[in-house]
Every structure is written in C-alpha cells, then in structure tokens.
C-alpha cells in the first residue's frame, strides 16, 4: 500500500486546493439607457434605471 514518505505541509496542501477556488470576473451587461457596463439584474449605478424604468430618483 502506498504511504506518503513525508507529511504534506499546510502551504503545499493549500496551494493545491487553491486551484479549484479561482475567482472569476463578474459578467457585465450594457445598460440600454446610458450604455455603461452594469451587473445584470441590478439597477444601473449611473442612470438609476432598471427594466426601462427609473427606480431610484437621482435627486439628492
């Protein structure tokens, strides 16, 4: 039966495991109102529109 000759260090173990947990860039979509990139299914931070309607008033 195969047995490890030495104990695997925490650093080596974690380096090996980190390959499965790589971060991916978020998929961006283009806002149809102002044509700026935004996260899908969220209100556009530039023009405050969602689904063709102004959701948050831009008055401060």
C-alpha atoms as a PDB file:
ATOM      1  CA  UNK A   1       0.000   0.000   0.000  1.00  0.00           C
ATOM      2  CA  UNK A   2       1.358   3.433  -0.930  1.00  0.00           C
ATOM      3  CA  UNK A   3       2.087   5.675   2.021  1.00  0.00           C
ATOM      4  CA  UNK A   4       3.386   9.274   1.930  1.00  0.00           C
ATOM      5  CA  UNK A   5       7.059   9.472   2.836  1.00  0.00           C
ATOM      6  CA  UNK A   6       6.666  12.899   4.470  1.00  0.00           C
ATOM      7  CA  UNK A   7       3.804  14.882   5.927  1.00  0.00           C
ATOM      8  CA  UNK A   8       2.293  17.302   3.413  1.00  0.00           C
ATOM      9  CA  UNK A   9       2.763  20.836   4.730  1.00  0.00           C
ATOM     10  CA  UNK A  10      -0.191  23.193   5.102  1.00  0.00           C
ATOM     11  CA  UNK A  11       1.270  25.548   2.492  1.00  0.00           C
ATOM     12  CA  UNK A  12       1.630  22.789  -0.105  1.00  0.00           C
ATOM     13  CA  UNK A  13      -1.820  21.435   0.679  1.00  0.00           C
ATOM     14  CA  UNK A  14      -3.435  24.880   0.428  1.00  0.00           C
ATOM     15  CA  UNK A  15      -1.614  25.699  -2.836  1.00  0.00           C
ATOM     16  CA  UNK A  16      -3.000  22.529  -4.354  1.00  0.00           C
ATOM     17  CA  UNK A  17      -6.535  23.228  -3.136  1.00  0.00           C
ATOM     18  CA  UNK A  18      -6.498  26.861  -4.280  1.00  0.00           C
ATOM     19  CA  UNK A  19      -6.595  25.819  -7.953  1.00  0.00           C
ATOM     20  CA  UNK A  20     -10.215  24.739  -7.508  1.00  0.00           C
ATOM     21  CA  UNK A  21     -11.284  28.044  -5.936  1.00  0.00           C
ATOM     22  CA  UNK A  22     -10.096  30.546  -8.534  1.00  0.00           C
ATOM     23  CA  UNK A  23     -12.152  33.729  -8.704  1.00  0.00           C
ATOM     24  CA  UNK A  24     -13.828  34.631 -11.974  1.00  0.00           C
ATOM     25  CA  UNK A  25     -14.601  38.118 -13.200  1.00  0.00           C
ATOM     26  CA  UNK A  26     -18.270  39.112 -12.946  1.00  0.00           C
ATOM     27  CA  UNK A  27     -20.246  39.015 -16.174  1.00  0.00           C
ATOM     28  CA  UNK A  28     -21.169  42.578 -17.092  1.00  0.00           C
ATOM     29  CA  UNK A  29     -24.029  43.680 -19.299  1.00  0.00           C
ATOM     30  CA  UNK A  30     -24.614  47.009 -21.038  1.00  0.00           C
ATOM     31  CA  UNK A  31     -27.287  49.381 -19.749  1.00  0.00           C
ATOM     32  CA  UNK A  32     -29.771  50.127 -22.563  1.00  0.00           C
ATOM     33  CA  UNK A  33     -30.338  53.691 -21.258  1.00  0.00           C
ATOM     34  CA  UNK A  34     -26.813  55.075 -20.755  1.00  0.00           C
ATOM     35  CA  UNK A  35     -24.751  52.303 -22.439  1.00  0.00           C
ATOM     36  CA  UNK A  36     -22.477  51.899 -19.425  1.00  0.00           C
ATOM     37  CA  UNK A  37     -21.443  48.460 -18.085  1.00  0.00           C
ATOM     38  CA  UNK A  38     -23.505  47.216 -15.130  1.00  0.00           C
ATOM     39  CA  UNK A  39     -24.124  43.986 -13.263  1.00  0.00           C
ATOM     40  CA  UNK A  40     -27.044  42.001 -14.683  1.00  0.00           C
ATOM     41  CA  UNK A  41     -30.392  42.017 -12.823  1.00  0.00           C
ATOM     42  CA  UNK A  42     -29.417  45.131 -10.865  1.00  0.00           C
ATOM     43  CA  UNK A  43     -30.185  48.853 -11.047  1.00  0.00           C
ATOM     44  CA  UNK A  44     -27.696  50.773 -13.174  1.00  0.00           C
ATOM     45  CA  UNK A  45     -25.493  52.841 -10.810  1.00  0.00           C
ATOM     46  CA  UNK A  46     -25.091  55.612 -13.425  1.00  0.00           C
ATOM     47  CA  UNK A  47     -28.659  56.336 -14.548  1.00  0.00           C
ATOM     48  CA  UNK A  48     -30.720  54.502 -11.843  1.00  0.00           C
ATOM     49  CA  UNK A  49     -32.809  52.641 -14.438  1.00  0.00           C
ATOM     50  CA  UNK A  50     -33.907  49.010 -14.269  1.00  0.00           C
ATOM     51  CA  UNK A  51     -36.026  47.291 -16.927  1.00  0.00           C
ATOM     52  CA  UNK A  52     -36.643  50.594 -18.727  1.00  0.00           C
ATOM     53  CA  UNK A  53     -37.981  52.409 -15.640  1.00  0.00           C
ATOM     54  CA  UNK A  54     -36.322  54.835 -13.249  1.00  0.00           C
ATOM     55  CA  UNK A  55     -36.256  53.030  -9.924  1.00  0.00           C
ATOM     56  CA  UNK A  56     -34.287  55.367  -7.674  1.00  0.00           C
ATOM     57  CA  UNK A  57     -34.704  59.093  -8.171  1.00  0.00           C
ATOM     58  CA  UNK A  58     -31.378  60.815  -8.787  1.00  0.00           C
ATOM     59  CA  UNK A  59     -32.394  63.881  -6.737  1.00  0.00           C
ATOM     60  CA  UNK A  60     -30.334  64.326  -3.595  1.00  0.00           C
END
